[in-house]
């Protein structure tokens, strides 16, 4: 299992030219997590429209 201390040690060993790449990857992971949370949060409110009979009819051929 990995924890924050292990990650910090790994980051500290990296050459400074790779730190930007690590920071970018962390930003990407945070963005992806926020996007997933927004999708899950909005699912209930969007389901009201998704479950309408006219929606079923509109998508029946796909």
N, C-alpha and C. Protein backbone atom coordinates (compact mmCIF):
# COMPACT_ATOMS: atom_id res chain seq x y z
N UNK A 1 0.84 -1.19 0.00
CA UNK A 1 0.00 0.00 0.00
C UNK A 1 0.88 1.24 0.00
N UNK A 2 0.41 2.25 -0.70
CA UNK A 2 1.19 3.49 -0.81
C UNK A 2 0.50 4.58 0.01
N UNK A 3 1.28 5.40 0.64
CA UNK A 3 0.72 6.51 1.41
C UNK A 3 1.43 7.81 1.03
N UNK A 4 1.01 8.89 1.63
CA UNK A 4 1.55 10.20 1.26
C UNK A 4 3.05 10.30 1.50
N UNK A 5 3.50 9.71 2.59
CA UNK A 5 4.93 9.80 2.90
C UNK A 5 5.78 9.13 1.82
N UNK A 6 5.31 7.98 1.34
CA UNK A 6 6.04 7.28 0.28
C UNK A 6 6.04 8.13 -0.99
N UNK A 7 4.90 8.72 -1.32
CA UNK A 7 4.84 9.58 -2.51
C UNK A 7 5.77 10.78 -2.37
N UNK A 8 5.78 11.39 -1.21
CA UNK A 8 6.65 12.55 -0.99
C UNK A 8 8.11 12.14 -1.19
N UNK A 9 8.49 10.99 -0.65
CA UNK A 9 9.87 10.52 -0.81
C UNK A 9 10.20 10.28 -2.28
N UNK A 10 9.27 9.70 -3.01
CA UNK A 10 9.50 9.46 -4.44
C UNK A 10 9.65 10.78 -5.18
N UNK A 11 8.80 11.74 -4.86
CA UNK A 11 8.86 13.06 -5.51
C UNK A 11 10.18 13.75 -5.18
N UNK A 12 10.60 13.65 -3.94
CA UNK A 12 11.85 14.28 -3.53
C UNK A 12 13.06 13.71 -4.27
N UNK A 13 12.98 12.47 -4.71
CA UNK A 13 14.09 11.83 -5.44
C UNK A 13 14.12 12.21 -6.92
N UNK A 14 13.02 12.74 -7.43
CA UNK A 14 12.94 13.07 -8.85
C UNK A 14 13.82 14.27 -9.20
N UNK A 15 14.36 14.27 -10.41
CA UNK A 15 15.07 15.47 -10.86
C UNK A 15 14.07 16.62 -11.02
N UNK A 16 14.54 17.81 -10.81
CA UNK A 16 13.65 18.98 -10.82
C UNK A 16 12.94 19.17 -12.16
N UNK A 17 13.54 18.70 -13.24
CA UNK A 17 12.90 18.88 -14.55
C UNK A 17 11.64 18.02 -14.71
N UNK A 18 11.42 17.05 -13.82
CA UNK A 18 10.22 16.21 -13.90
C UNK A 18 9.09 16.69 -12.98
N UNK A 19 9.37 17.63 -12.13
CA UNK A 19 8.36 18.09 -11.17
C UNK A 19 7.14 18.71 -11.84
N UNK A 20 7.36 19.42 -12.93
CA UNK A 20 6.23 20.01 -13.67
C UNK A 20 5.31 18.92 -14.19
N UNK A 21 5.89 17.84 -14.69
CA UNK A 21 5.10 16.73 -15.21
C UNK A 21 4.27 16.08 -14.09
N UNK A 22 4.87 15.92 -12.93
CA UNK A 22 4.15 15.35 -11.78
C UNK A 22 3.02 16.28 -11.37
N UNK A 23 3.28 17.57 -11.31
CA UNK A 23 2.25 18.55 -10.94
C UNK A 23 1.11 18.53 -11.95
N UNK A 24 1.44 18.44 -13.23
CA UNK A 24 0.41 18.37 -14.28
C UNK A 24 -0.45 17.12 -14.13
N UNK A 25 0.18 16.00 -13.80
CA UNK A 25 -0.56 14.76 -13.64
C UNK A 25 -1.50 14.84 -12.43
N UNK A 26 -1.03 15.43 -11.36
CA UNK A 26 -1.87 15.62 -10.17
C UNK A 26 -3.07 16.51 -10.53
N UNK A 27 -2.82 17.58 -11.27
CA UNK A 27 -3.92 18.45 -11.72
C UNK A 27 -4.94 17.67 -12.55
N UNK A 28 -4.44 16.81 -13.44
CA UNK A 28 -5.32 15.99 -14.27
C UNK A 28 -6.18 15.06 -13.41
N UNK A 29 -5.58 14.41 -12.44
CA UNK A 29 -6.32 13.51 -11.56
C UNK A 29 -7.39 14.27 -10.78
N UNK A 30 -7.03 15.44 -10.27
CA UNK A 30 -8.00 16.26 -9.53
C UNK A 30 -9.16 16.68 -10.44
N UNK A 31 -8.84 17.09 -11.66
CA UNK A 31 -9.88 17.48 -12.62
C UNK A 31 -10.82 16.32 -12.91
N UNK A 32 -10.24 15.15 -13.16
CA UNK A 32 -11.03 13.96 -13.47
C UNK A 32 -11.96 13.61 -12.32
N UNK A 33 -11.47 13.72 -11.10
CA UNK A 33 -12.27 13.43 -9.91
C UNK A 33 -13.43 14.41 -9.78
N UNK A 34 -13.15 15.70 -9.99
CA UNK A 34 -14.21 16.71 -9.92
C UNK A 34 -15.25 16.47 -11.00
N UNK A 35 -14.80 16.13 -12.20
CA UNK A 35 -15.71 15.87 -13.32
C UNK A 35 -16.62 14.69 -12.99
N UNK A 36 -16.05 13.63 -12.43
CA UNK A 36 -16.85 12.46 -12.06
C UNK A 36 -17.86 12.81 -10.98
N UNK A 37 -17.44 13.60 -10.00
CA UNK A 37 -18.35 14.00 -8.93
C UNK A 37 -19.51 14.84 -9.47
N UNK A 38 -19.22 15.75 -10.38
CA UNK A 38 -20.27 16.59 -10.96
C UNK A 38 -21.25 15.72 -11.73
N UNK A 39 -20.74 14.75 -12.46
CA UNK A 39 -21.60 13.85 -13.22
C UNK A 39 -22.52 13.07 -12.28
N UNK A 40 -21.97 12.54 -11.22
CA UNK A 40 -22.78 11.77 -10.27
C UNK A 40 -23.80 12.65 -9.57
N UNK A 41 -23.41 13.85 -9.19
CA UNK A 41 -24.31 14.76 -8.50
C UNK A 41 -25.47 15.17 -9.40
N UNK A 42 -25.19 15.40 -10.67
CA UNK A 42 -26.23 15.87 -11.58
C UNK A 42 -27.10 14.74 -12.12
N UNK A 43 -26.70 13.50 -11.93
CA UNK A 43 -27.43 12.38 -12.50
C UNK A 43 -28.89 12.35 -12.04
N UNK A 44 -29.13 12.58 -10.76
CA UNK A 44 -30.49 12.51 -10.24
C UNK A 44 -31.39 13.56 -10.87
N UNK A 45 -30.89 14.78 -11.00
CA UNK A 45 -31.72 15.84 -11.59
C UNK A 45 -31.93 15.62 -13.09
N UNK A 46 -30.91 15.09 -13.77
CA UNK A 46 -31.05 14.83 -15.21
C UNK A 46 -31.94 13.62 -15.48
N UNK A 47 -32.00 12.70 -14.54
CA UNK A 47 -32.80 11.49 -14.73
C UNK A 47 -34.28 11.82 -14.92
N UNK A 48 -34.73 12.91 -14.36
CA UNK A 48 -36.13 13.31 -14.53
C UNK A 48 -36.47 13.44 -16.02
N UNK A 49 -35.56 14.03 -16.78
CA UNK A 49 -35.78 14.18 -18.22
C UNK A 49 -35.50 12.88 -18.97
N UNK A 50 -34.49 12.15 -18.54
CA UNK A 50 -34.13 10.92 -19.23
C UNK A 50 -35.25 9.89 -19.19
N UNK A 51 -36.02 9.91 -18.12
CA UNK A 51 -37.03 8.88 -17.92
C UNK A 51 -38.39 9.22 -18.53
N UNK A 52 -38.49 10.32 -19.21
CA UNK A 52 -39.75 10.70 -19.85
C UNK A 52 -40.02 9.79 -21.05
N UNK A 53 -41.28 9.45 -21.28
CA UNK A 53 -41.61 8.59 -22.42
C UNK A 53 -41.16 9.17 -23.77
N UNK A 54 -41.25 10.48 -23.93
CA UNK A 54 -40.83 11.08 -25.19
C UNK A 54 -39.32 10.93 -25.42
N UNK A 55 -38.55 10.87 -24.35
CA UNK A 55 -37.11 10.63 -24.49
C UNK A 55 -36.86 9.20 -24.97
N UNK A 56 -37.57 8.26 -24.40
CA UNK A 56 -37.44 6.87 -24.83
C UNK A 56 -37.76 6.74 -26.32
N UNK A 57 -38.83 7.41 -26.74
CA UNK A 57 -39.24 7.37 -28.13
C UNK A 57 -38.19 7.99 -29.05
N UNK A 58 -37.61 9.10 -28.60
CA UNK A 58 -36.62 9.81 -29.42
C UNK A 58 -35.36 8.97 -29.65
N UNK A 59 -35.01 8.12 -28.70
CA UNK A 59 -33.76 7.36 -28.77
C UNK A 59 -33.97 5.90 -29.17
N UNK A 60 -35.16 5.52 -29.47
CA UNK A 60 -35.48 4.10 -29.71
C UNK A 60 -34.70 3.50 -30.88
N UNK A 61 -34.36 4.28 -31.89
CA UNK A 61 -33.68 3.76 -33.06
C UNK A 61 -32.17 3.70 -32.92
N UNK A 62 -31.65 4.16 -31.84
CA UNK A 62 -30.18 4.17 -31.68
C UNK A 62 -29.67 2.94 -30.98
